[in-house]
Amino acid sequence: MSAQNVPADGQEPVRVPAPGTLMVDTSRKNGVGEFRGVAGPYWALRPVCGGQEWEAKPEHVRLADPIERLRAQNARCNARSRGEVL
């Protein structure tokens, strides 16, 4: 079973990604975050290297492409090697 956000204006439903999926928020300078869940009409994303979650409209969020995923994973590994708490 896959979850969906159903828009009120009759458009096609937006598929909700699995938690932990790396997403790009185009409304926040292409910020990459992990999908955490649905909060009303918004999607909750968390920065890859830790920090405060933010909410984004689903129409401003897309899947991270391979290079964006690699950069995010590399940034997480670098933060861990510096001893940062993630």
PDB file of N, CA and C in Angstrom:
ATOM      1  N   MET A   1       0.839  -1.175   0.000  1.00  0.00           N
ATOM      2  CA  MET A   1       0.000   0.000   0.000  1.00  0.00           C
ATOM      3  C   MET A   1       0.885   1.239   0.000  1.00  0.00           C
ATOM      4  N   SER A   2       0.619   2.185  -0.873  1.00  0.00           N
ATOM      5  CA  SER A   2       1.410   3.414  -0.918  1.00  0.00           C
ATOM      6  C   SER A   2       0.542   4.583  -0.474  1.00  0.00           C
ATOM      7  N   ALA A   3       1.145   5.465   0.293  1.00  0.00           N
ATOM      8  CA  ALA A   3       0.431   6.637   0.788  1.00  0.00           C
ATOM      9  C   ALA A   3       0.410   7.710  -0.280  1.00  0.00           C
ATOM     10  N   GLN A   4      -0.616   8.559  -0.220  1.00  0.00           N
ATOM     11  CA  GLN A   4      -0.734   9.642  -1.177  1.00  0.00           C
ATOM     12  C   GLN A   4      -1.285  10.874  -0.489  1.00  0.00           C
ATOM     13  N   ASN A   5      -0.880  12.030  -0.971  1.00  0.00           N
ATOM     14  CA  ASN A   5      -1.516  13.295  -0.596  1.00  0.00           C
ATOM     15  C   ASN A   5      -2.540  13.577  -1.685  1.00  0.00           C
ATOM     16  N   VAL A   6      -3.787  13.798  -1.312  1.00  0.00           N
ATOM     17  CA  VAL A   6      -4.828  14.062  -2.300  1.00  0.00           C
ATOM     18  C   VAL A   6      -5.122  15.554  -2.313  1.00  0.00           C
ATOM     19  N   PRO A   7      -4.783  16.250  -3.409  1.00  0.00           N
ATOM     20  CA  PRO A   7      -5.046  17.688  -3.480  1.00  0.00           C
ATOM     21  C   PRO A   7      -6.543  17.975  -3.518  1.00  0.00           C
ATOM     22  N   ALA A   8      -6.950  19.097  -2.954  1.00  0.00           N
ATOM     23  CA  ALA A   8      -8.357  19.475  -2.901  1.00  0.00           C
ATOM     24  C   ALA A   8      -8.869  19.965  -4.254  1.00  0.00           C
ATOM     25  N   ASP A   9      -7.974  20.391  -5.144  1.00  0.00           N
ATOM     26  CA  ASP A   9      -8.424  20.957  -6.419  1.00  0.00           C
ATOM     27  C   ASP A   9      -8.648  19.917  -7.508  1.00  0.00           C
ATOM     28  N   GLY A  10      -8.624  18.639  -7.170  1.00  0.00           N
ATOM     29  CA  GLY A  10      -8.918  17.585  -8.122  1.00  0.00           C
ATOM     30  C   GLY A  10      -7.741  17.144  -8.973  1.00  0.00           C
ATOM     31  N   GLN A  11      -6.534  17.662  -8.722  1.00  0.00           N
ATOM     32  CA  GLN A  11      -5.363  17.220  -9.473  1.00  0.00           C
ATOM     33  C   GLN A  11      -5.008  15.799  -9.060  1.00  0.00           C
ATOM     34  N   GLU A  12      -4.099  15.201  -9.825  1.00  0.00           N
ATOM     35  CA  GLU A  12      -3.658  13.846  -9.516  1.00  0.00           C
ATOM     36  C   GLU A  12      -2.943  13.811  -8.169  1.00  0.00           C
ATOM     37  N   PRO A  13      -3.179  12.761  -7.354  1.00  0.00           N
ATOM     38  CA  PRO A  13      -2.529  12.669  -6.040  1.00  0.00           C
ATOM     39  C   PRO A  13      -1.008  12.603  -6.158  1.00  0.00           C
ATOM     40  N   VAL A  14      -0.334  13.157  -5.157  1.00  0.00           N
ATOM     41  CA  VAL A  14       1.121  13.159  -5.109  1.00  0.00           C
ATOM     42  C   VAL A  14       1.563  11.956  -4.288  1.00  0.00           C
ATOM     43  N   ARG A  15       2.469  11.144  -4.827  1.00  0.00           N
ATOM     44  CA  ARG A  15       2.967   9.979  -4.088  1.00  0.00           C
ATOM     45  C   ARG A  15       3.876  10.430  -2.958  1.00  0.00           C
ATOM     46  N   VAL A  16       3.624   9.901  -1.783  1.00  0.00           N
ATOM     47  CA  VAL A  16       4.422  10.233  -0.606  1.00  0.00           C
ATOM     48  C   VAL A  16       5.602   9.266  -0.550  1.00  0.00           C
ATOM     49  N   PRO A  17       6.836   9.783  -0.482  1.00  0.00           N
ATOM     50  CA  PRO A  17       8.006   8.898  -0.443  1.00  0.00           C
ATOM     51  C   PRO A  17       8.131   8.179   0.902  1.00  0.00           C
ATOM     52  N   ALA A  18       8.965   7.175   0.925  1.00  0.00           N
ATOM     53  CA  ALA A  18       9.235   6.436   2.159  1.00  0.00           C
ATOM     54  C   ALA A  18      10.091   7.302   3.089  1.00  0.00           C
ATOM     55  N   PRO A  19       9.883   7.184   4.399  1.00  0.00           N
ATOM     56  CA  PRO A  19      10.728   7.932   5.337  1.00  0.00           C
ATOM     57  C   PRO A  19      12.206   7.623   5.096  1.00  0.00           C
ATOM     58  N   GLY A  20      13.034   8.674   5.157  1.00  0.00           N
ATOM     59  CA  GLY A  20      14.470   8.516   4.932  1.00  0.00           C
ATOM     60  C   GLY A  20      14.898   8.789   3.502  1.00  0.00           C
ATOM     61  N   THR A  21      13.936   8.908   2.583  1.00  0.00           N
ATOM     62  CA  THR A  21      14.259   9.202   1.188  1.00  0.00           C
ATOM     63  C   THR A  21      14.847  10.599   1.088  1.00  0.00           C
ATOM     64  N   LEU A  22      15.931  10.744   0.359  1.00  0.00           N
ATOM     65  CA  LEU A  22      16.554  12.058   0.184  1.00  0.00           C
ATOM     66  C   LEU A  22      15.781  12.858  -0.855  1.00  0.00           C
ATOM     67  N   MET A  23      15.368  14.053  -0.439  1.00  0.00           N
ATOM     68  CA  MET A  23      14.553  14.919  -1.272  1.00  0.00           C
ATOM     69  C   MET A  23      15.221  16.289  -1.388  1.00  0.00           C
ATOM     70  N   VAL A  24      14.862  17.033  -2.426  1.00  0.00           N
ATOM     71  CA  VAL A  24      15.369  18.385  -2.642  1.00  0.00           C
ATOM     72  C   VAL A  24      14.189  19.346  -2.563  1.00  0.00           C
ATOM     73  N   ASP A  25      14.323  20.354  -1.715  1.00  0.00           N
ATOM     74  CA  ASP A  25      13.300  21.395  -1.588  1.00  0.00           C
ATOM     75  C   ASP A  25      13.713  22.568  -2.462  1.00  0.00           C
ATOM     76  N   THR A  26      13.038  22.744  -3.583  1.00  0.00           N
ATOM     77  CA  THR A  26      13.401  23.793  -4.530  1.00  0.00           C
ATOM     78  C   THR A  26      13.044  25.191  -4.022  1.00  0.00           C
ATOM     79  N   SER A  27      12.218  25.280  -2.994  1.00  0.00           N
ATOM     80  CA  SER A  27      11.870  26.596  -2.443  1.00  0.00           C
ATOM     81  C   SER A  27      12.891  27.068  -1.408  1.00  0.00           C
ATOM     82  N   ARG A  28      13.847  26.208  -1.052  1.00  0.00           N
ATOM     83  CA  ARG A  28      14.883  26.565  -0.068  1.00  0.00           C
ATOM     84  C   ARG A  28      16.272  26.394  -0.663  1.00  0.00           C
ATOM     85  N   LYS A  29      16.508  27.039  -1.782  1.00  0.00           N
ATOM     86  CA  LYS A  29      17.824  26.988  -2.438  1.00  0.00           C
ATOM     87  C   LYS A  29      18.292  25.565  -2.681  1.00  0.00           C
ATOM     88  N   ASN A  30      17.369  24.701  -3.099  1.00  0.00           N
ATOM     89  CA  ASN A  30      17.654  23.298  -3.402  1.00  0.00           C
ATOM     90  C   ASN A  30      18.268  22.568  -2.208  1.00  0.00           C
ATOM     91  N   GLY A  31      17.740  22.851  -1.030  1.00  0.00           N
ATOM     92  CA  GLY A  31      18.206  22.175   0.180  1.00  0.00           C
ATOM     93  C   GLY A  31      17.841  20.700   0.153  1.00  0.00           C
ATOM     94  N   VAL A  32      18.797  19.845   0.480  1.00  0.00           N
ATOM     95  CA  VAL A  32      18.575  18.405   0.507  1.00  0.00           C
ATOM     96  C   VAL A  32      18.233  17.989   1.931  1.00  0.00           C
ATOM     97  N   GLY A  33      17.203  17.179   2.055  1.00  0.00           N
ATOM     98  CA  GLY A  33      16.803  16.692   3.371  1.00  0.00           C
ATOM     99  C   GLY A  33      16.202  15.305   3.272  1.00  0.00           C
ATOM    100  N   GLU A  34      16.137  14.648   4.405  1.00  0.00           N
ATOM    101  CA  GLU A  34      15.495  13.336   4.484  1.00  0.00           C
ATOM    102  C   GLU A  34      14.008  13.538   4.697  1.00  0.00           C
ATOM    103  N   PHE A  35      13.211  12.817   3.935  1.00  0.00           N
ATOM    104  CA  PHE A  35      11.767  12.880   4.130  1.00  0.00           C
ATOM    105  C   PHE A  35      11.440  12.213   5.454  1.00  0.00           C
ATOM    106  N   ARG A  36      10.648  12.924   6.302  1.00  0.00           N
ATOM    107  CA  ARG A  36      10.299  12.412   7.630  1.00  0.00           C
ATOM    108  C   ARG A  36       8.839  12.024   7.749  1.00  0.00           C
ATOM    109  N   GLY A  37       7.974  12.683   6.990  1.00  0.00           N
ATOM    110  CA  GLY A  37       6.561  12.368   7.071  1.00  0.00           C
ATOM    111  C   GLY A  37       5.700  13.510   6.569  1.00  0.00           C
ATOM    112  N   VAL A  38       4.403  13.317   6.704  1.00  0.00           N
ATOM    113  CA  VAL A  38       3.429  14.302   6.254  1.00  0.00           C
ATOM    114  C   VAL A  38       2.893  15.046   7.464  1.00  0.00           C
ATOM    115  N   ALA A  39       2.845  16.369   7.367  1.00  0.00           N
ATOM    116  CA  ALA A  39       2.305  17.216   8.432  1.00  0.00           C
ATOM    117  C   ALA A  39       1.221  18.087   7.807  1.00  0.00           C
ATOM    118  N   GLY A  40       0.002  17.596   7.796  1.00  0.00           N
ATOM    119  CA  GLY A  40      -1.091  18.306   7.137  1.00  0.00           C
ATOM    120  C   GLY A  40      -0.841  18.369   5.645  1.00  0.00           C
ATOM    121  N   PRO A  41      -0.871  19.563   5.048  1.00  0.00           N
ATOM    122  CA  PRO A  41      -0.629  19.670   3.607  1.00  0.00           C
ATOM    123  C   PRO A  41       0.862  19.739   3.256  1.00  0.00           C
ATOM    124  N   TYR A  42       1.727  19.681   4.254  1.00  0.00           N
ATOM    125  CA  TYR A  42       3.168  19.836   4.045  1.00  0.00           C
ATOM    126  C   TYR A  42       3.906  18.519   4.249  1.00  0.00           C
ATOM    127  N   TRP A  43       5.121  18.465   3.706  1.00  0.00           N
ATOM    128  CA  TRP A  43       6.021  17.342   3.950  1.00  0.00           C
ATOM    129  C   TRP A  43       7.117  17.819   4.886  1.00  0.00           C
ATOM    130  N   ALA A  44       7.444  17.005   5.866  1.00  0.00           N
ATOM    131  CA  ALA A  44       8.499  17.337   6.816  1.00  0.00           C
ATOM    132  C   ALA A  44       9.825  16.772   6.300  1.00  0.00           C
ATOM    133  N   LEU A  45      10.841  17.635   6.238  1.00  0.00           N
ATOM    134  CA  LEU A  45      12.180  17.240   5.803  1.00  0.00           C
ATOM    135  C   LEU A  45      13.156  17.588   6.913  1.00  0.00           C
ATOM    136  N   ARG A  46      14.217  16.788   7.015  1.00  0.00           N
ATOM    137  CA  ARG A  46      15.246  17.019   8.033  1.00  0.00           C
ATOM    138  C   ARG A  46      16.587  17.140   7.331  1.00  0.00           C
ATOM    139  N   PRO A  47      17.409  18.116   7.712  1.00  0.00           N
ATOM    140  CA  PRO A  47      18.722  18.245   7.084  1.00  0.00           C
ATOM    141  C   PRO A  47      19.542  16.958   7.235  1.00  0.00           C
ATOM    142  N   VAL A  48      20.284  16.633   6.221  1.00  0.00           N
ATOM    143  CA  VAL A  48      21.050  15.389   6.208  1.00  0.00           C
ATOM    144  C   VAL A  48      22.086  15.342   7.328  1.00  0.00           C
ATOM    145  N   CYS A  49      22.703  16.467   7.635  1.00  0.00           N
ATOM    146  CA  CYS A  49      23.749  16.510   8.667  1.00  0.00           C
ATOM    147  C   CYS A  49      23.195  16.893  10.032  1.00  0.00           C
ATOM    148  N   GLY A  50      21.908  16.742  10.216  1.00  0.00           N
ATOM    149  CA  GLY A  50      21.284  17.067  11.495  1.00  0.00           C
ATOM    150  C   GLY A  50      20.777  18.491  11.513  1.00  0.00           C
ATOM    151  N   GLY A  51      19.924  18.757  12.440  1.00  0.00           N
ATOM    152  CA  GLY A  51      19.358  20.087  12.553  1.00  0.00           C
ATOM    153  C   GLY A  51      17.856  20.031  12.645  1.00  0.00           C
ATOM    154  N   GLN A  52      17.244  21.178  12.598  1.00  0.00           N
ATOM    155  CA  GLN A  52      15.809  21.298  12.769  1.00  0.00           C
ATOM    156  C   GLN A  52      15.067  20.951  11.485  1.00  0.00           C
ATOM    157  N   GLU A  53      14.010  20.154  11.634  1.00  0.00           N
ATOM    158  CA  GLU A  53      13.172  19.814  10.492  1.00  0.00           C
ATOM    159  C   GLU A  53      12.497  21.066   9.961  1.00  0.00           C
ATOM    160  N   TRP A  54      12.128  21.017   8.683  1.00  0.00           N
ATOM    161  CA  TRP A  54      11.335  22.088   8.102  1.00  0.00           C
ATOM    162  C   TRP A  54      10.213  21.460   7.303  1.00  0.00           C
ATOM    163  N   GLU A  55       9.209  22.263   7.021  1.00  0.00           N
ATOM    164  CA  GLU A  55       8.074  21.806   6.242  1.00  0.00           C
ATOM    165  C   GLU A  55       8.110  22.447   4.863  1.00  0.00           C
ATOM    166  N   ALA A  56       7.743  21.654   3.864  1.00  0.00           N
ATOM    167  CA  ALA A  56       7.753  22.137   2.488  1.00  0.00           C
ATOM    168  C   ALA A  56       6.477  21.681   1.789  1.00  0.00           C
ATOM    169  N   LYS A  57       6.046  22.488   0.845  1.00  0.00           N
ATOM    170  CA  LYS A  57       4.893  22.089   0.042  1.00  0.00           C
ATOM    171  C   LYS A  57       5.339  20.981  -0.904  1.00  0.00           C
ATOM    172  N   PRO A  58       4.529  19.936  -1.061  1.00  0.00           N
ATOM    173  CA  PRO A  58       4.917  18.819  -1.934  1.00  0.00           C
ATOM    174  C   PRO A  58       5.263  19.236  -3.357  1.00  0.00           C
ATOM    175  N   GLU A  59       4.627  20.295  -3.870  1.00  0.00           N
ATOM    176  CA  GLU A  59       4.918  20.713  -5.243  1.00  0.00           C
ATOM    177  C   GLU A  59       6.296  21.354  -5.377  1.00  0.00           C
ATOM    178  N   HIS A  60       6.950  21.669  -4.253  1.00  0.00           N
ATOM    179  CA  HIS A  60       8.302  22.251  -4.272  1.00  0.00           C
ATOM    180  C   HIS A  60       9.368  21.216  -3.951  1.00  0.00           C
ATOM    181  N   VAL A  61       8.966  19.963  -3.822  1.00  0.00           N
ATOM    182  CA  VAL A  61       9.902  18.911  -3.418  1.00  0.00           C
ATOM    183  C   VAL A  61      10.024  17.886  -4.545  1.00  0.00           C
ATOM    184  N   ARG A  62      11.260  17.463  -4.782  1.00  0.00           N
ATOM    185  CA  ARG A  62      11.519  16.418  -5.787  1.00  0.00           C
ATOM    186  C   ARG A  62      12.548  15.447  -5.227  1.00  0.00           C
ATOM    187  N   LEU A  63      12.638  14.285  -5.850  1.00  0.00           N
ATOM    188  CA  LEU A  63      13.659  13.314  -5.453  1.00  0.00           C
ATOM    189  C   LEU A  63      15.041  13.863  -5.754  1.00  0.00           C
ATOM    190  N   ALA A  64      15.979  13.590  -4.881  1.00  0.00           N
ATOM    191  CA  ALA A  64      17.368  13.995  -5.118  1.00  0.00           C
ATOM    192  C   ALA A  64      17.937  13.122  -6.240  1.00  0.00           C
ATOM    193  N   ASP A  65      18.679  13.742  -7.144  1.00  0.00           N
ATOM    194  CA  ASP A  65      19.313  12.952  -8.207  1.00  0.00           C
ATOM    195  C   ASP A  65      20.578  12.301  -7.646  1.00  0.00           C
ATOM    196  N   PRO A  66      21.204  11.386  -8.384  1.00  0.00           N
ATOM    197  CA  PRO A  66      22.353  10.639  -7.843  1.00  0.00           C
ATOM    198  C   PRO A  66      23.487  11.516  -7.307  1.00  0.00           C
ATOM    199  N   ILE A  67      23.838  12.594  -7.990  1.00  0.00           N
ATOM    200  CA  ILE A  67      24.945  13.431  -7.506  1.00  0.00           C
ATOM    201  C   ILE A  67      24.555  14.161  -6.227  1.00  0.00           C
ATOM    202  N   GLU A  68      23.303  14.576  -6.114  1.00  0.00           N
ATOM    203  CA  GLU A  68      22.842  15.230  -4.892  1.00  0.00           C
ATOM    204  C   GLU A  68      22.834  14.258  -3.717  1.00  0.00           C
ATOM    205  N   ARG A  69      22.445  13.012  -3.965  1.00  0.00           N
ATOM    206  CA  ARG A  69      22.477  11.993  -2.904  1.00  0.00           C
ATOM    207  C   ARG A  69      23.909  11.733  -2.463  1.00  0.00           C
ATOM    208  N   LEU A  70      24.835  11.641  -3.431  1.00  0.00           N
ATOM    209  CA  LEU A  70      26.238  11.400  -3.108  1.00  0.00           C
ATOM    210  C   LEU A  70      26.813  12.549  -2.282  1.00  0.00           C
ATOM    211  N   ARG A  71      26.529  13.783  -2.669  1.00  0.00           N
ATOM    212  CA  ARG A  71      27.014  14.940  -1.919  1.00  0.00           C
ATOM    213  C   ARG A  71      26.467  14.953  -0.495  1.00  0.00           C
ATOM    214  N   ALA A  72      25.182  14.639  -0.349  1.00  0.00           N
ATOM    215  CA  ALA A  72      24.563  14.628   0.977  1.00  0.00           C
ATOM    216  C   ALA A  72      25.161  13.531   1.852  1.00  0.00           C
ATOM    217  N   GLN A  73      25.365  12.348   1.287  1.00  0.00           N
ATOM    218  CA  GLN A  73      25.956  11.254   2.057  1.00  0.00           C
ATOM    219  C   GLN A  73      27.396  11.574   2.434  1.00  0.00           C
ATOM    220  N   ASN A  74      28.134  12.203   1.535  1.00  0.00           N
ATOM    221  CA  ASN A  74      29.506  12.603   1.817  1.00  0.00           C
ATOM    222  C   ASN A  74      29.547  13.651   2.930  1.00  0.00           C
ATOM    223  N   ALA A  75      28.630  14.618   2.879  1.00  0.00           N
ATOM    224  CA  ALA A  75      28.568  15.649   3.922  1.00  0.00           C
ATOM    225  C   ALA A  75      28.265  15.016   5.274  1.00  0.00           C
ATOM    226  N   ARG A  76      27.378  14.015   5.306  1.00  0.00           N
ATOM    227  CA  ARG A  76      27.054  13.327   6.556  1.00  0.00           C
ATOM    228  C   ARG A  76      28.279  12.593   7.095  1.00  0.00           C
ATOM    229  N   CYS A  77      28.993  11.896   6.227  1.00  0.00           N
ATOM    230  CA  CYS A  77      30.201  11.171   6.663  1.00  0.00           C
ATOM    231  C   CYS A  77      31.257  12.137   7.188  1.00  0.00           C
ATOM    232  N   ASN A  78      31.438  13.267   6.515  1.00  0.00           N
ATOM    233  CA  ASN A  78      32.413  14.255   6.980  1.00  0.00           C
ATOM    234  C   ASN A  78      32.023  14.813   8.340  1.00  0.00           C
ATOM    235  N   ALA A  79      30.740  15.082   8.541  1.00  0.00           N
ATOM    236  CA  ALA A  79      30.279  15.598   9.827  1.00  0.00           C
ATOM    237  C   ALA A  79      30.523  14.564  10.938  1.00  0.00           C
ATOM    238  N   ARG A  80      30.249  13.318  10.659  1.00  0.00           N
ATOM    239  CA  ARG A  80      30.481  12.265  11.658  1.00  0.00           C
ATOM    240  C   ARG A  80      31.963  12.138  11.980  1.00  0.00           C
ATOM    241  N   SER A  81      32.825  12.277  10.962  1.00  0.00           N
ATOM    242  CA  SER A  81      34.273  12.149  11.209  1.00  0.00           C
ATOM    243  C   SER A  81      34.811  13.308  12.052  1.00  0.00           C
ATOM    244  N   ARG A  82      34.104  14.440  12.010  1.00  0.00           N
ATOM    245  CA  ARG A  82      34.489  15.583  12.842  1.00  0.00           C
ATOM    246  C   ARG A  82      33.911  15.466  14.264  1.00  0.00           C
ATOM    247  N   GLY A  83      33.136  14.430  14.496  1.00  0.00           N
ATOM    248  CA  GLY A  83      32.571  14.208  15.813  1.00  0.00           C
ATOM    249  C   GLY A  83      31.264  14.930  16.071  1.00  0.00           C
ATOM    250  N   GLU A  84      30.657  15.451  15.015  1.00  0.00           N
ATOM    251  CA  GLU A  84      29.376  16.140  15.178  1.00  0.00           C
ATOM    252  C   GLU A  84      28.278  15.132  15.500  1.00  0.00           C
ATOM    253  N   VAL A  85      27.356  15.534  16.337  1.00  0.00           N
ATOM    254  CA  VAL A  85      26.208  14.693  16.682  1.00  0.00           C
ATOM    255  C   VAL A  85      25.142  14.920  15.627  1.00  0.00           C
ATOM    256  N   LEU A  86      24.739  13.842  14.983  1.00  0.00           N
ATOM    257  CA  LEU A  86      23.748  13.962  13.905  1.00  0.00           C
ATOM    258  C   LEU A  86      22.377  13.577  14.370  1.00  0.00           C
TER     259      LEU A  86
END
